[in-house]
PDB file of all heavy atoms in Angstrom:
ATOM      1  N   PHE A   1       0.866  -1.170   0.000  1.00  0.00           N
ATOM      2  CA  PHE A   1       0.000   0.000   0.000  1.00  0.00           C
ATOM      3  C   PHE A   1       0.904   1.221   0.000  1.00  0.00           C
ATOM      4  O   PHE A   1       1.828   1.319   0.805  1.00  0.00           O
ATOM      5  CB  PHE A   1      -0.878  -0.026   1.262  1.00  0.00           C
ATOM      6  CG  PHE A   1      -1.860   1.096   1.343  1.00  0.00           C
ATOM      7  CD1 PHE A   1      -2.977   1.134   0.522  1.00  0.00           C
ATOM      8  CD2 PHE A   1      -1.683   2.122   2.257  1.00  0.00           C
ATOM      9  CE1 PHE A   1      -3.897   2.173   0.602  1.00  0.00           C
ATOM     10  CE2 PHE A   1      -2.589   3.165   2.351  1.00  0.00           C
ATOM     11  CZ  PHE A   1      -3.706   3.185   1.520  1.00  0.00           C
ATOM     12  N   ASN A   2       0.662   2.129  -0.945  1.00  0.00           N
ATOM     13  CA  ASN A   2       1.468   3.344  -1.085  1.00  0.00           C
ATOM     14  C   ASN A   2       0.547   4.549  -1.119  1.00  0.00           C
ATOM     15  O   ASN A   2      -0.479   4.519  -1.812  1.00  0.00           O
ATOM     16  CB  ASN A   2       2.248   3.327  -2.406  1.00  0.00           C
ATOM     17  CG  ASN A   2       3.113   2.109  -2.535  1.00  0.00           C
ATOM     18  OD1 ASN A   2       4.102   1.990  -1.837  1.00  0.00           O
ATOM     19  ND2 ASN A   2       2.751   1.199  -3.415  1.00  0.00           N
ATOM     20  N   VAL A   3       0.917   5.587  -0.382  1.00  0.00           N
ATOM     21  CA  VAL A   3       0.148   6.839  -0.449  1.00  0.00           C
ATOM     22  C   VAL A   3       1.108   7.974  -0.769  1.00  0.00           C
ATOM     23  O   VAL A   3       2.296   7.911  -0.445  1.00  0.00           O
ATOM     24  CB  VAL A   3      -0.619   7.156   0.861  1.00  0.00           C
ATOM     25  CG1 VAL A   3      -1.619   6.089   1.186  1.00  0.00           C
ATOM     26  CG2 VAL A   3       0.308   7.382   2.027  1.00  0.00           C
ATOM     27  N   TYR A   4       0.581   8.986  -1.425  1.00  0.00           N
ATOM     28  CA  TYR A   4       1.324  10.222  -1.603  1.00  0.00           C
ATOM     29  C   TYR A   4       0.428  11.339  -1.105  1.00  0.00           C
ATOM     30  O   TYR A   4      -0.705  11.490  -1.591  1.00  0.00           O
ATOM     31  CB  TYR A   4       1.738  10.474  -3.053  1.00  0.00           C
ATOM     32  CG  TYR A   4       2.668  11.659  -3.105  1.00  0.00           C
ATOM     33  CD1 TYR A   4       4.026  11.498  -2.861  1.00  0.00           C
ATOM     34  CD2 TYR A   4       2.189  12.940  -3.291  1.00  0.00           C
ATOM     35  CE1 TYR A   4       4.886  12.584  -2.831  1.00  0.00           C
ATOM     36  CE2 TYR A   4       3.044  14.037  -3.263  1.00  0.00           C
ATOM     37  CZ  TYR A   4       4.389  13.850  -3.027  1.00  0.00           C
ATOM     38  OH  TYR A   4       5.239  14.930  -2.986  1.00  0.00           O
ATOM     39  N   LEU A   5       0.896  12.080  -0.117  1.00  0.00           N
ATOM     40  CA  LEU A   5       0.108  13.138   0.507  1.00  0.00           C
ATOM     41  C   LEU A   5       0.755  14.489   0.286  1.00  0.00           C
ATOM     42  O   LEU A   5       1.980  14.605   0.258  1.00  0.00           O
ATOM     43  CB  LEU A   5      -0.018  12.882   2.014  1.00  0.00           C
ATOM     44  CG  LEU A   5      -0.633  11.546   2.424  1.00  0.00           C
ATOM     45  CD1 LEU A   5      -0.559  11.371   3.936  1.00  0.00           C
ATOM     46  CD2 LEU A   5      -2.069  11.430   1.937  1.00  0.00           C
ATOM     47  N   VAL A   6      -0.086  15.504   0.142  1.00  0.00           N
ATOM     48  CA  VAL A   6       0.361  16.889   0.069  1.00  0.00           C
ATOM     49  C   VAL A   6      -0.400  17.634   1.149  1.00  0.00           C
ATOM     50  O   VAL A   6      -1.622  17.512   1.257  1.00  0.00           O
ATOM     51  CB  VAL A   6       0.068  17.502  -1.320  1.00  0.00           C
ATOM     52  CG1 VAL A   6       0.405  18.985  -1.333  1.00  0.00           C
ATOM     53  CG2 VAL A   6       0.835  16.767  -2.398  1.00  0.00           C
ATOM     54  N   GLN A   7       0.316  18.397   1.964  1.00  0.00           N
ATOM     55  CA  GLN A   7      -0.304  19.163   3.033  1.00  0.00           C
ATOM     56  C   GLN A   7      -0.129  20.648   2.763  1.00  0.00           C
ATOM     57  O   GLN A   7       0.966  21.108   2.456  1.00  0.00           O
ATOM     58  CB  GLN A   7       0.321  18.799   4.380  1.00  0.00           C
ATOM     59  CG  GLN A   7      -0.321  19.517   5.553  1.00  0.00           C
ATOM     60  CD  GLN A   7       0.207  19.041   6.889  1.00  0.00           C
ATOM     61  OE1 GLN A   7       0.894  18.028   6.981  1.00  0.00           O
ATOM     62  NE2 GLN A   7      -0.122  19.767   7.936  1.00  0.00           N
ATOM     63  N   ALA A   8      -1.217  21.405   2.861  1.00  0.00           N
ATOM     64  CA  ALA A   8      -1.194  22.862   2.756  1.00  0.00           C
ATOM     65  C   ALA A   8      -1.937  23.385   3.972  1.00  0.00           C
ATOM     66  O   ALA A   8      -3.149  23.193   4.095  1.00  0.00           O
ATOM     67  CB  ALA A   8      -1.857  23.335   1.469  1.00  0.00           C
ATOM     68  N   GLY A   9      -1.206  23.984   4.906  1.00  0.00           N
ATOM     69  CA  GLY A   9      -1.824  24.373   6.170  1.00  0.00           C
ATOM     70  C   GLY A   9      -2.243  23.111   6.900  1.00  0.00           C
ATOM     71  O   GLY A   9      -1.458  22.194   7.081  1.00  0.00           O
ATOM     72  N   ASN A  10      -3.513  23.043   7.267  1.00  0.00           N
ATOM     73  CA  ASN A  10      -3.980  21.826   7.948  1.00  0.00           C
ATOM     74  C   ASN A  10      -4.698  20.877   6.997  1.00  0.00           C
ATOM     75  O   ASN A  10      -5.126  19.809   7.389  1.00  0.00           O
ATOM     76  CB  ASN A  10      -4.868  22.181   9.142  1.00  0.00           C
ATOM     77  CG  ASN A  10      -6.165  22.850   8.727  1.00  0.00           C
ATOM     78  OD1 ASN A  10      -6.325  23.317   7.604  1.00  0.00           O
ATOM     79  ND2 ASN A  10      -7.106  22.916   9.645  1.00  0.00           N
ATOM     80  N   ARG A  11      -4.833  21.252   5.739  1.00  0.00           N
ATOM     81  CA  ARG A  11      -5.524  20.405   4.768  1.00  0.00           C
ATOM     82  C   ARG A  11      -4.563  19.444   4.087  1.00  0.00           C
ATOM     83  O   ARG A  11      -3.418  19.790   3.786  1.00  0.00           O
ATOM     84  CB  ARG A  11      -6.235  21.268   3.748  1.00  0.00           C
ATOM     85  CG  ARG A  11      -7.396  21.980   4.402  1.00  0.00           C
ATOM     86  CD  ARG A  11      -8.176  22.820   3.438  1.00  0.00           C
ATOM     87  NE  ARG A  11      -9.407  23.331   4.009  1.00  0.00           N
ATOM     88  CZ  ARG A  11      -9.481  24.175   5.019  1.00  0.00           C
ATOM     89  NH1 ARG A  11      -8.401  24.579   5.623  1.00  0.00           N
ATOM     90  NH2 ARG A  11     -10.649  24.596   5.459  1.00  0.00           N
ATOM     91  N   ILE A  12      -5.076  18.257   3.809  1.00  0.00           N
ATOM     92  CA  ILE A  12      -4.272  17.210   3.184  1.00  0.00           C
ATOM     93  C   ILE A  12      -5.063  16.622   2.030  1.00  0.00           C
ATOM     94  O   ILE A  12      -6.280  16.437   2.126  1.00  0.00           O
ATOM     95  CB  ILE A  12      -3.955  16.084   4.201  1.00  0.00           C
ATOM     96  CG1 ILE A  12      -3.103  16.626   5.343  1.00  0.00           C
ATOM     97  CG2 ILE A  12      -3.265  14.908   3.518  1.00  0.00           C
ATOM     98  CD1 ILE A  12      -2.878  15.626   6.458  1.00  0.00           C
ATOM     99  N   CYS A  13      -4.369  16.328   0.948  1.00  0.00           N
ATOM    100  CA  CYS A  13      -4.978  15.542  -0.119  1.00  0.00           C
ATOM    101  C   CYS A  13      -3.891  14.679  -0.738  1.00  0.00           C
ATOM    102  O   CYS A  13      -2.705  14.854  -0.464  1.00  0.00           O
ATOM    103  CB  CYS A  13      -5.674  16.420  -1.152  1.00  0.00           C
ATOM    104  SG  CYS A  13      -4.572  17.280  -2.250  1.00  0.00           S
ATOM    105  N   GLY A  14      -4.313  13.732  -1.546  1.00  0.00           N
ATOM    106  CA  GLY A  14      -3.343  12.857  -2.178  1.00  0.00           C
ATOM    107  C   GLY A  14      -4.011  11.709  -2.871  1.00  0.00           C
ATOM    108  O   GLY A  14      -5.208  11.759  -3.193  1.00  0.00           O
ATOM    109  N   ASP A  15      -3.221  10.681  -3.096  1.00  0.00           N
ATOM    110  CA  ASP A  15      -3.737   9.497  -3.759  1.00  0.00           C
ATOM    111  C   ASP A  15      -3.058   8.259  -3.176  1.00  0.00           C
ATOM    112  O   ASP A  15      -2.106   8.357  -2.419  1.00  0.00           O
ATOM    113  CB  ASP A  15      -3.557   9.580  -5.267  1.00  0.00           C
ATOM    114  CG  ASP A  15      -2.113   9.853  -5.695  1.00  0.00           C
ATOM    115  OD1 ASP A  15      -1.182   9.462  -4.968  1.00  0.00           O
ATOM    116  OD2 ASP A  15      -1.929  10.453  -6.755  1.00  0.00           O
ATOM    117  N   PHE A  16      -3.597   7.091  -3.532  1.00  0.00           N
ATOM    118  CA  PHE A  16      -3.017   5.848  -3.045  1.00  0.00           C
ATOM    119  C   PHE A  16      -3.069   4.787  -4.133  1.00  0.00           C
ATOM    120  O   PHE A  16      -3.835   4.878  -5.092  1.00  0.00           O
ATOM    121  CB  PHE A  16      -3.740   5.338  -1.780  1.00  0.00           C
ATOM    122  CG  PHE A  16      -5.049   4.644  -2.064  1.00  0.00           C
ATOM    123  CD1 PHE A  16      -5.091   3.282  -2.331  1.00  0.00           C
ATOM    124  CD2 PHE A  16      -6.236   5.351  -2.074  1.00  0.00           C
ATOM    125  CE1 PHE A  16      -6.298   2.651  -2.597  1.00  0.00           C
ATOM    126  CE2 PHE A  16      -7.439   4.730  -2.329  1.00  0.00           C
ATOM    127  CZ  PHE A  16      -7.469   3.371  -2.600  1.00  0.00           C
ATOM    128  N   GLY A  17      -2.246   3.778  -3.940  1.00  0.00           N
ATOM    129  CA  GLY A  17      -2.271   2.570  -4.751  1.00  0.00           C
ATOM    130  C   GLY A  17      -2.078   1.387  -3.831  1.00  0.00           C
ATOM    131  O   GLY A  17      -1.291   1.461  -2.890  1.00  0.00           O
ATOM    132  N   GLY A  18      -2.818   0.327  -4.074  1.00  0.00           N
ATOM    133  CA  GLY A  18      -2.687  -0.863  -3.240  1.00  0.00           C
ATOM    134  C   GLY A  18      -2.710  -2.110  -4.106  1.00  0.00           C
ATOM    135  O   GLY A  18      -3.348  -2.128  -5.161  1.00  0.00           O
ATOM    136  N   ALA A  19      -2.015  -3.151  -3.657  1.00  0.00           N
ATOM    137  CA  ALA A  19      -1.991  -4.421  -4.377  1.00  0.00           C
ATOM    138  C   ALA A  19      -1.877  -5.558  -3.373  1.00  0.00           C
ATOM    139  O   ALA A  19      -1.085  -5.481  -2.434  1.00  0.00           O
ATOM    140  CB  ALA A  19      -0.820  -4.470  -5.348  1.00  0.00           C
ATOM    141  N   LEU A  20      -2.669  -6.595  -3.592  1.00  0.00           N
ATOM    142  CA  LEU A  20      -2.565  -7.788  -2.755  1.00  0.00           C
ATOM    143  C   LEU A  20      -1.318  -8.566  -3.151  1.00  0.00           C
ATOM    144  O   LEU A  20      -0.741  -8.345  -4.219  1.00  0.00           O
ATOM    145  CB  LEU A  20      -3.809  -8.652  -2.918  1.00  0.00           C
ATOM    146  CG  LEU A  20      -5.130  -8.033  -2.448  1.00  0.00           C
ATOM    147  CD1 LEU A  20      -6.280  -9.002  -2.679  1.00  0.00           C
ATOM    148  CD2 LEU A  20      -5.059  -7.625  -0.986  1.00  0.00           C
ATOM    149  N   VAL A  21      -0.921  -9.499  -2.298  1.00  0.00           N
ATOM    150  CA  VAL A  21       0.232 -10.351  -2.570  1.00  0.00           C
ATOM    151  C   VAL A  21       0.056 -11.001  -3.943  1.00  0.00           C
ATOM    152  O   VAL A  21      -1.049 -11.403  -4.326  1.00  0.00           O
ATOM    153  CB  VAL A  21       0.381 -11.421  -1.467  1.00  0.00           C
ATOM    154  CG1 VAL A  21       1.435 -12.450  -1.843  1.00  0.00           C
ATOM    155  CG2 VAL A  21       0.731 -10.765  -0.140  1.00  0.00           C
ATOM    156  N   ASN A  22       1.137 -11.107  -4.673  1.00  0.00           N
ATOM    157  CA  ASN A  22       1.206 -11.656  -6.022  1.00  0.00           C
ATOM    158  C   ASN A  22       0.433 -10.791  -7.029  1.00  0.00           C
ATOM    159  O   ASN A  22       0.107 -11.237  -8.113  1.00  0.00           O
ATOM    160  CB  ASN A  22       0.749 -13.113  -6.079  1.00  0.00           C
ATOM    161  CG  ASN A  22       1.516 -13.893  -7.129  1.00  0.00           C
ATOM    162  OD1 ASN A  22       2.653 -13.564  -7.450  1.00  0.00           O
ATOM    163  ND2 ASN A  22       0.888 -14.913  -7.671  1.00  0.00           N
ATOM    164  N   LEU A  23       0.117  -9.564  -6.595  1.00  0.00           N
ATOM    165  CA  LEU A  23      -0.563  -8.575  -7.437  1.00  0.00           C
ATOM    166  C   LEU A  23      -1.854  -9.119  -8.045  1.00  0.00           C
ATOM    167  O   LEU A  23      -2.253  -8.743  -9.136  1.00  0.00           O
ATOM    168  CB  LEU A  23       0.388  -8.056  -8.531  1.00  0.00           C
ATOM    169  CG  LEU A  23       1.752  -7.592  -8.043  1.00  0.00           C
ATOM    170  CD1 LEU A  23       2.593  -7.102  -9.195  1.00  0.00           C
ATOM    171  CD2 LEU A  23       1.623  -6.522  -6.977  1.00  0.00           C
ATOM    172  N   ARG A  24      -2.531 -10.007  -7.290  1.00  0.00           N
ATOM    173  CA  ARG A  24      -3.744 -10.629  -7.835  1.00  0.00           C
ATOM    174  C   ARG A  24      -4.930  -9.667  -7.889  1.00  0.00           C
ATOM    175  O   ARG A  24      -5.856  -9.903  -8.639  1.00  0.00           O
ATOM    176  CB  ARG A  24      -4.080 -11.906  -7.085  1.00  0.00           C
ATOM    177  CG  ARG A  24      -4.450 -11.747  -5.656  1.00  0.00           C
ATOM    178  CD  ARG A  24      -4.661 -13.119  -4.995  1.00  0.00           C
ATOM    179  NE  ARG A  24      -5.157 -12.961  -3.654  1.00  0.00           N
ATOM    180  CZ  ARG A  24      -4.413 -12.751  -2.587  1.00  0.00           C
ATOM    181  NH1 ARG A  24      -3.104 -12.678  -2.710  1.00  0.00           N
ATOM    182  NH2 ARG A  24      -4.956 -12.612  -1.400  1.00  0.00           N
ATOM    183  N   GLN A  25      -4.892  -8.603  -7.103  1.00  0.00           N
ATOM    184  CA  GLN A  25      -5.896  -7.543  -7.207  1.00  0.00           C
ATOM    185  C   GLN A  25      -5.206  -6.227  -6.879  1.00  0.00           C
ATOM    186  O   GLN A  25      -4.368  -6.165  -5.992  1.00  0.00           O
ATOM    187  CB  GLN A  25      -7.061  -7.771  -6.236  1.00  0.00           C
ATOM    188  CG  GLN A  25      -7.936  -8.944  -6.639  1.00  0.00           C
ATOM    189  CD  GLN A  25      -9.080  -9.163  -5.668  1.00  0.00           C
ATOM    190  OE1 GLN A  25      -8.864  -9.247  -4.462  1.00  0.00           O
ATOM    191  NE2 GLN A  25     -10.270  -9.261  -6.190  1.00  0.00           N
ATOM    192  N   ILE A  26      -5.583  -5.173  -7.622  1.00  0.00           N
ATOM    193  CA  ILE A  26      -5.000  -3.856  -7.383  1.00  0.00           C
ATOM    194  C   ILE A  26      -6.102  -2.827  -7.197  1.00  0.00           C
ATOM    195  O   ILE A  26      -7.262  -3.059  -7.568  1.00  0.00           O
ATOM    196  CB  ILE A  26      -4.039  -3.430  -8.510  1.00  0.00           C
ATOM    197  CG1 ILE A  26      -4.772  -3.353  -9.847  1.00  0.00           C
ATOM    198  CG2 ILE A  26      -2.841  -4.363  -8.588  1.00  0.00           C
ATOM    199  CD1 ILE A  26      -3.941  -2.740 -10.961  1.00  0.00           C
ATOM    200  N   ASP A  27      -5.745  -1.702  -6.625  1.00  0.00           N
ATOM    201  CA  ASP A  27      -6.702  -0.628  -6.357  1.00  0.00           C
ATOM    202  C   ASP A  27      -5.938   0.692  -6.370  1.00  0.00           C
ATOM    203  O   ASP A  27      -4.720   0.721  -6.205  1.00  0.00           O
ATOM    204  CB  ASP A  27      -7.348  -0.849  -4.976  1.00  0.00           C
ATOM    205  CG  ASP A  27      -8.588  -0.007  -4.731  1.00  0.00           C
ATOM    206  OD1 ASP A  27      -8.996   0.778  -5.615  1.00  0.00           O
ATOM    207  OD2 ASP A  27      -9.170  -0.130  -3.630  1.00  0.00           O
ATOM    208  N   ASP A  28      -6.645   1.763  -6.586  1.00  0.00           N
ATOM    209  CA  ASP A  28      -6.091   3.094  -6.402  1.00  0.00           C
ATOM    210  C   ASP A  28      -7.234   4.011  -6.034  1.00  0.00           C
ATOM    211  O   ASP A  28      -8.405   3.620  -6.105  1.00  0.00           O
ATOM    212  CB  ASP A  28      -5.322   3.585  -7.632  1.00  0.00           C
ATOM    213  CG  ASP A  28      -6.203   3.772  -8.863  1.00  0.00           C
ATOM    214  OD1 ASP A  28      -7.255   3.121  -8.960  1.00  0.00           O
ATOM    215  OD2 ASP A  28      -5.830   4.566  -9.737  1.00  0.00           O
ATOM    216  N   GLY A  29      -6.900   5.225  -5.605  1.00  0.00           N
ATOM    217  CA  GLY A  29      -7.960   6.129  -5.201  1.00  0.00           C
ATOM    218  C   GLY A  29      -7.426   7.451  -4.719  1.00  0.00           C
ATOM    219  O   GLY A  29      -6.244   7.764  -4.870  1.00  0.00           O
ATOM    220  N   SER A  30      -8.328   8.222  -4.115  1.00  0.00           N
ATOM    221  CA  SER A  30      -7.984   9.577  -3.687  1.00  0.00           C
ATOM    222  C   SER A  30      -8.123   9.712  -2.175  1.00  0.00           C
ATOM    223  O   SER A  30      -8.827   8.933  -1.524  1.00  0.00           O
ATOM    224  CB  SER A  30      -8.893  10.589  -4.382  1.00  0.00           C
ATOM    225  OG  SER A  30     -10.235  10.399  -3.974  1.00  0.00           O
TER     226      SER A  30
END
C-alpha cells in the first residue's frame, strides 16, 4: 500500500495505490 500526501496548512490531499500479494488484485484512489 502506497500513499502520496500533500499538506497545505492543515488540509491534506493525495492518492493511493494498493496491491494484494502476487498482485492478484489492485486498487487506487484519492
